[in-house]
Amino acid sequence: MDCTLVNTKSGAKFAKNATDWVYWHESVPKKLQELSEEGYKIVIFTNQKGISTGQTKAEDIKKKI
């Protein structure tokens, strides 16, 4: 997900919180919508080591998605 669908809004390497993100490119939301309307199932993969280390809350990732 990171650096493919979204980037951090703050410019930091890792998001600071659930709202620290922007779409990677302005075309992303439209393309995801188009694919969904065409019947594709959208699956987002992300590796979030920060959850296991306590630096990120799982709920923040869910909000982001």
PDB file of N, CA and C in Angstrom:
ATOM      1  N   MET A   1       0.821  -1.180   0.000  1.00  0.00           N
ATOM      2  CA  MET A   1       0.000   0.000   0.000  1.00  0.00           C
ATOM      3  C   MET A   1       0.874   1.256   0.000  1.00  0.00           C
ATOM      4  N   ASP A   2       1.827   1.323   0.913  1.00  0.00           N
ATOM      5  CA  ASP A   2       2.684   2.499   1.013  1.00  0.00           C
ATOM      6  C   ASP A   2       3.559   2.635  -0.231  1.00  0.00           C
ATOM      7  N   CYS A   3       3.605   3.832  -0.759  1.00  0.00           N
ATOM      8  CA  CYS A   3       4.398   4.195  -1.939  1.00  0.00           C
ATOM      9  C   CYS A   3       3.874   3.572  -3.236  1.00  0.00           C
ATOM     10  N   THR A   4       2.700   2.965  -3.189  1.00  0.00           N
ATOM     11  CA  THR A   4       2.049   2.467  -4.396  1.00  0.00           C
ATOM     12  C   THR A   4       0.656   3.067  -4.524  1.00  0.00           C
ATOM     13  N   LEU A   5      -0.103   3.067  -3.443  1.00  0.00           N
ATOM     14  CA  LEU A   5      -1.424   3.700  -3.419  1.00  0.00           C
ATOM     15  C   LEU A   5      -1.387   5.015  -2.658  1.00  0.00           C
ATOM     16  N   VAL A   6      -0.579   5.082  -1.617  1.00  0.00           N
ATOM     17  CA  VAL A   6      -0.501   6.281  -0.783  1.00  0.00           C
ATOM     18  C   VAL A   6       0.945   6.618  -0.430  1.00  0.00           C
ATOM     19  N   ASN A   7       1.143   7.873  -0.086  1.00  0.00           N
ATOM     20  CA  ASN A   7       2.398   8.371   0.477  1.00  0.00           C
ATOM     21  C   ASN A   7       2.053   9.107   1.762  1.00  0.00           C
ATOM     22  N   THR A   8       3.057   9.408   2.545  1.00  0.00           N
ATOM     23  CA  THR A   8       2.788  10.198   3.742  1.00  0.00           C
ATOM     24  C   THR A   8       2.554  11.651   3.360  1.00  0.00           C
ATOM     25  N   LYS A   9       1.615  12.272   4.019  1.00  0.00           N
ATOM     26  CA  LYS A   9       1.324  13.695   3.807  1.00  0.00           C
ATOM     27  C   LYS A   9       2.460  14.545   4.367  1.00  0.00           C
ATOM     28  N   SER A  10       3.031  14.084   5.486  1.00  0.00           N
ATOM     29  CA  SER A  10       4.074  14.853   6.174  1.00  0.00           C
ATOM     30  C   SER A  10       5.421  14.802   5.462  1.00  0.00           C
ATOM     31  N   GLY A  11       5.597  13.835   4.575  1.00  0.00           N
ATOM     32  CA  GLY A  11       6.892  13.662   3.930  1.00  0.00           C
ATOM     33  C   GLY A  11       7.824  12.752   4.712  1.00  0.00           C
ATOM     34  N   ALA A  12       7.392  12.320   5.901  1.00  0.00           N
ATOM     35  CA  ALA A  12       8.195  11.399   6.712  1.00  0.00           C
ATOM     36  C   ALA A  12       8.234  10.028   6.039  1.00  0.00           C
ATOM     37  N   LYS A  13       9.213   9.220   6.387  1.00  0.00           N
ATOM     38  CA  LYS A  13       9.308   7.882   5.808  1.00  0.00           C
ATOM     39  C   LYS A  13       8.114   7.029   6.229  1.00  0.00           C
ATOM     40  N   PHE A  14       7.702   7.147   7.475  1.00  0.00           N
ATOM     41  CA  PHE A  14       6.572   6.390   7.994  1.00  0.00           C
ATOM     42  C   PHE A  14       5.499   7.367   8.460  1.00  0.00           C
ATOM     43  N   ALA A  15       4.241   6.973   8.277  1.00  0.00           N
ATOM     44  CA  ALA A  15       3.131   7.824   8.681  1.00  0.00           C
ATOM     45  C   ALA A  15       3.170   8.086  10.182  1.00  0.00           C
ATOM     46  N   LYS A  16       2.847   9.299  10.557  1.00  0.00           N
ATOM     47  CA  LYS A  16       2.838   9.680  11.973  1.00  0.00           C
ATOM     48  C   LYS A  16       1.549   9.278  12.672  1.00  0.00           C
ATOM     49  N   ASN A  17       0.454   9.190  11.895  1.00  0.00           N
ATOM     50  CA  ASN A  17      -0.837   8.787  12.455  1.00  0.00           C
ATOM     51  C   ASN A  17      -1.769   8.367  11.316  1.00  0.00           C
ATOM     52  N   ALA A  18      -3.013   8.088  11.631  1.00  0.00           N
ATOM     53  CA  ALA A  18      -3.967   7.571  10.650  1.00  0.00           C
ATOM     54  C   ALA A  18      -4.314   8.580   9.564  1.00  0.00           C
ATOM     55  N   THR A  19      -4.074   9.860   9.819  1.00  0.00           N
ATOM     56  CA  THR A  19      -4.427  10.872   8.816  1.00  0.00           C
ATOM     57  C   THR A  19      -3.222  11.381   8.029  1.00  0.00           C
ATOM     58  N   ASP A  20      -2.063  10.838   8.284  1.00  0.00           N
ATOM     59  CA  ASP A  20      -0.837  11.271   7.611  1.00  0.00           C
ATOM     60  C   ASP A  20      -0.658  10.509   6.293  1.00  0.00           C
ATOM     61  N   TRP A  21      -1.554  10.763   5.351  1.00  0.00           N
ATOM     62  CA  TRP A  21      -1.422  10.135   4.046  1.00  0.00           C
ATOM     63  C   TRP A  21      -2.113  10.962   2.973  1.00  0.00           C
ATOM     64  N   VAL A  22      -1.637  10.788   1.759  1.00  0.00           N
ATOM     65  CA  VAL A  22      -2.253  11.336   0.555  1.00  0.00           C
ATOM     66  C   VAL A  22      -2.136  10.251  -0.516  1.00  0.00           C
ATOM     67  N   TYR A  23      -3.018  10.309  -1.495  1.00  0.00           N
ATOM     68  CA  TYR A  23      -2.900   9.339  -2.583  1.00  0.00           C
ATOM     69  C   TYR A  23      -1.569   9.505  -3.286  1.00  0.00           C
ATOM     70  N   TRP A  24      -1.005   8.400  -3.718  1.00  0.00           N
ATOM     71  CA  TRP A  24       0.273   8.391  -4.430  1.00  0.00           C
ATOM     72  C   TRP A  24       0.187   9.270  -5.672  1.00  0.00           C
ATOM     73  N   HIS A  25      -0.959   9.233  -6.357  1.00  0.00           N
ATOM     74  CA  HIS A  25      -1.199  10.048  -7.540  1.00  0.00           C
ATOM     75  C   HIS A  25      -2.686  10.364  -7.583  1.00  0.00           C
ATOM     76  N   GLU A  26      -3.035  11.483  -8.156  1.00  0.00           N
ATOM     77  CA  GLU A  26      -4.446  11.891  -8.175  1.00  0.00           C
ATOM     78  C   GLU A  26      -5.351  10.903  -8.911  1.00  0.00           C
ATOM     79  N   SER A  27      -4.790  10.032  -9.731  1.00  0.00           N
ATOM     80  CA  SER A  27      -5.582   9.059 -10.488  1.00  0.00           C
ATOM     81  C   SER A  27      -5.975   7.822  -9.671  1.00  0.00           C
ATOM     82  N   VAL A  28      -5.358   7.629  -8.525  1.00  0.00           N
ATOM     83  CA  VAL A  28      -5.576   6.410  -7.739  1.00  0.00           C
ATOM     84  C   VAL A  28      -7.041   6.188  -7.345  1.00  0.00           C
ATOM     85  N   PRO A  29      -7.735   7.144  -6.721  1.00  0.00           N
ATOM     86  CA  PRO A  29      -9.110   6.854  -6.297  1.00  0.00           C
ATOM     87  C   PRO A  29     -10.040   6.554  -7.472  1.00  0.00           C
ATOM     88  N   LYS A  30      -9.879   7.277  -8.569  1.00  0.00           N
ATOM     89  CA  LYS A  30     -10.719   7.039  -9.746  1.00  0.00           C
ATOM     90  C   LYS A  30     -10.468   5.643 -10.317  1.00  0.00           C
ATOM     91  N   LYS A  31      -9.214   5.249 -10.408  1.00  0.00           N
ATOM     92  CA  LYS A  31      -8.877   3.934 -10.957  1.00  0.00           C
ATOM     93  C   LYS A  31      -9.408   2.813 -10.067  1.00  0.00           C
ATOM     94  N   LEU A  32      -9.276   2.968  -8.755  1.00  0.00           N
ATOM     95  CA  LEU A  32      -9.815   1.956  -7.846  1.00  0.00           C
ATOM     96  C   LEU A  32     -11.332   1.853  -7.996  1.00  0.00           C
ATOM     97  N   GLN A  33     -12.000   2.986  -8.143  1.00  0.00           N
ATOM     98  CA  GLN A  33     -13.450   3.001  -8.337  1.00  0.00           C
ATOM     99  C   GLN A  33     -13.831   2.312  -9.638  1.00  0.00           C
ATOM    100  N   GLU A  34     -13.117   2.620 -10.710  1.00  0.00           N
ATOM    101  CA  GLU A  34     -13.385   1.995 -12.008  1.00  0.00           C
ATOM    102  C   GLU A  34     -13.234   0.481 -11.938  1.00  0.00           C
ATOM    103  N   LEU A  35     -12.169   0.021 -11.343  1.00  0.00           N
ATOM    104  CA  LEU A  35     -11.926  -1.414 -11.226  1.00  0.00           C
ATOM    105  C   LEU A  35     -13.028  -2.089 -10.412  1.00  0.00           C
ATOM    106  N   SER A  36     -13.439  -1.446  -9.342  1.00  0.00           N
ATOM    107  CA  SER A  36     -14.521  -1.982  -8.510  1.00  0.00           C
ATOM    108  C   SER A  36     -15.813  -2.079  -9.311  1.00  0.00           C
ATOM    109  N   GLU A  37     -16.135  -1.041 -10.064  1.00  0.00           N
ATOM    110  CA  GLU A  37     -17.353  -1.034 -10.870  1.00  0.00           C
ATOM    111  C   GLU A  37     -17.324  -2.078 -11.983  1.00  0.00           C
ATOM    112  N   GLU A  38     -16.119  -2.446 -12.441  1.00  0.00           N
ATOM    113  CA  GLU A  38     -15.962  -3.472 -13.471  1.00  0.00           C
ATOM    114  C   GLU A  38     -16.034  -4.880 -12.878  1.00  0.00           C
ATOM    115  N   GLY A  39     -16.194  -4.959 -11.567  1.00  0.00           N
ATOM    116  CA  GLY A  39     -16.346  -6.252 -10.916  1.00  0.00           C
ATOM    117  C   GLY A  39     -15.089  -6.826 -10.297  1.00  0.00           C
ATOM    118  N   TYR A  40     -13.996  -6.091 -10.383  1.00  0.00           N
ATOM    119  CA  TYR A  40     -12.764  -6.567  -9.760  1.00  0.00           C
ATOM    120  C   TYR A  40     -12.880  -6.466  -8.245  1.00  0.00           C
ATOM    121  N   LYS A  41     -12.276  -7.407  -7.566  1.00  0.00           N
ATOM    122  CA  LYS A  41     -12.154  -7.357  -6.110  1.00  0.00           C
ATOM    123  C   LYS A  41     -10.816  -6.700  -5.797  1.00  0.00           C
ATOM    124  N   ILE A  42     -10.834  -5.693  -4.978  1.00  0.00           N
ATOM    125  CA  ILE A  42      -9.615  -4.964  -4.638  1.00  0.00           C
ATOM    126  C   ILE A  42      -9.035  -5.550  -3.349  1.00  0.00           C
ATOM    127  N   VAL A  43      -7.810  -6.002  -3.432  1.00  0.00           N
ATOM    128  CA  VAL A  43      -7.100  -6.557  -2.276  1.00  0.00           C
ATOM    129  C   VAL A  43      -5.868  -5.691  -2.048  1.00  0.00           C
ATOM    130  N   ILE A  44      -5.717  -5.208  -0.831  1.00  0.00           N
ATOM    131  CA  ILE A  44      -4.578  -4.353  -0.505  1.00  0.00           C
ATOM    132  C   ILE A  44      -3.646  -5.112   0.429  1.00  0.00           C
ATOM    133  N   PHE A  45      -2.397  -5.223   0.014  1.00  0.00           N
ATOM    134  CA  PHE A  45      -1.379  -5.859   0.840  1.00  0.00           C
ATOM    135  C   PHE A  45      -0.500  -4.784   1.450  1.00  0.00           C
ATOM    136  N   THR A  46      -0.186  -4.957   2.704  1.00  0.00           N
ATOM    137  CA  THR A  46       0.708  -4.019   3.361  1.00  0.00           C
ATOM    138  C   THR A  46       1.450  -4.735   4.488  1.00  0.00           C
ATOM    139  N   ASN A  47       2.697  -4.451   4.616  1.00  0.00           N
ATOM    140  CA  ASN A  47       3.472  -5.023   5.721  1.00  0.00           C
ATOM    141  C   ASN A  47       3.633  -3.935   6.779  1.00  0.00           C
ATOM    142  N   GLN A  48       3.087  -4.172   7.917  1.00  0.00           N
ATOM    143  CA  GLN A  48       3.066  -3.164   8.966  1.00  0.00           C
ATOM    144  C   GLN A  48       3.770  -3.673  10.214  1.00  0.00           C
ATOM    145  N   LYS A  49       5.082  -3.702  10.165  1.00  0.00           N
ATOM    146  CA  LYS A  49       5.870  -4.144  11.312  1.00  0.00           C
ATOM    147  C   LYS A  49       5.613  -3.266  12.538  1.00  0.00           C
ATOM    148  N   GLY A  50       5.246  -2.019  12.284  1.00  0.00           N
ATOM    149  CA  GLY A  50       5.004  -1.090  13.389  1.00  0.00           C
ATOM    150  C   GLY A  50       3.939  -1.574  14.351  1.00  0.00           C
ATOM    151  N   ILE A  51       3.009  -2.399  13.879  1.00  0.00           N
ATOM    152  CA  ILE A  51       1.967  -2.927  14.772  1.00  0.00           C
ATOM    153  C   ILE A  51       2.593  -3.833  15.822  1.00  0.00           C
ATOM    154  N   SER A  52       3.467  -4.741  15.384  1.00  0.00           N
ATOM    155  CA  SER A  52       4.075  -5.686  16.330  1.00  0.00           C
ATOM    156  C   SER A  52       5.051  -5.013  17.288  1.00  0.00           C
ATOM    157  N   THR A  53       5.615  -3.885  16.875  1.00  0.00           N
ATOM    158  CA  THR A  53       6.560  -3.190  17.745  1.00  0.00           C
ATOM    159  C   THR A  53       5.887  -2.131  18.610  1.00  0.00           C
ATOM    160  N   GLY A  54       4.593  -1.919  18.400  1.00  0.00           N
ATOM    161  CA  GLY A  54       3.862  -0.952  19.208  1.00  0.00           C
ATOM    162  C   GLY A  54       3.972   0.489  18.712  1.00  0.00           C
ATOM    163  N   GLN A  55       4.616   0.689  17.565  1.00  0.00           N
ATOM    164  CA  GLN A  55       4.759   2.042  17.031  1.00  0.00           C
ATOM    165  C   GLN A  55       3.531   2.483  16.239  1.00  0.00           C
ATOM    166  N   THR A  56       2.727   1.517  15.810  1.00  0.00           N
ATOM    167  CA  THR A  56       1.530   1.798  15.022  1.00  0.00           C
ATOM    168  C   THR A  56       0.375   0.994  15.587  1.00  0.00           C
ATOM    169  N   LYS A  57      -0.797   1.576  15.596  1.00  0.00           N
ATOM    170  CA  LYS A  57      -1.987   0.863  16.049  1.00  0.00           C
ATOM    171  C   LYS A  57      -2.687   0.241  14.847  1.00  0.00           C
ATOM    172  N   ALA A  58      -3.145  -0.997  15.009  1.00  0.00           N
ATOM    173  CA  ALA A  58      -3.859  -1.680  13.939  1.00  0.00           C
ATOM    174  C   ALA A  58      -5.066  -0.854  13.502  1.00  0.00           C
ATOM    175  N   GLU A  59      -5.728  -0.212  14.436  1.00  0.00           N
ATOM    176  CA  GLU A  59      -6.889   0.620  14.117  1.00  0.00           C
ATOM    177  C   GLU A  59      -6.525   1.769  13.181  1.00  0.00           C
ATOM    178  N   ASP A  60      -5.334   2.334  13.340  1.00  0.00           N
ATOM    179  CA  ASP A  60      -4.884   3.407  12.444  1.00  0.00           C
ATOM    180  C   ASP A  60      -4.719   2.902  11.009  1.00  0.00           C
ATOM    181  N   ILE A  61      -4.217   1.695  10.873  1.00  0.00           N
ATOM    182  CA  ILE A  61      -4.053   1.112   9.534  1.00  0.00           C
ATOM    183  C   ILE A  61      -5.415   0.856   8.911  1.00  0.00           C
ATOM    184  N   LYS A  62      -6.352   0.364   9.697  1.00  0.00           N
ATOM    185  CA  LYS A  62      -7.705   0.113   9.188  1.00  0.00           C
ATOM    186  C   LYS A  62      -8.349   1.416   8.730  1.00  0.00           C
ATOM    187  N   LYS A  63      -8.156   2.489   9.469  1.00  0.00           N
ATOM    188  CA  LYS A  63      -8.705   3.793   9.080  1.00  0.00           C
ATOM    189  C   LYS A  63      -8.093   4.263   7.769  1.00  0.00           C
ATOM    190  N   LYS A  64      -6.813   4.033   7.624  1.00  0.00           N
ATOM    191  CA  LYS A  64      -6.108   4.442   6.435  1.00  0.00           C
ATOM    192  C   LYS A  64      -6.640   3.709   5.197  1.00  0.00           C
ATOM    193  N   ILE A  65      -6.873   2.422   5.368  1.00  0.00           N
ATOM    194  CA  ILE A  65      -7.394   1.620   4.250  1.00  0.00           C
ATOM    195  C   ILE A  65      -8.812   2.005   3.956  1.00  0.00           C
TER     196      ILE A  65
END
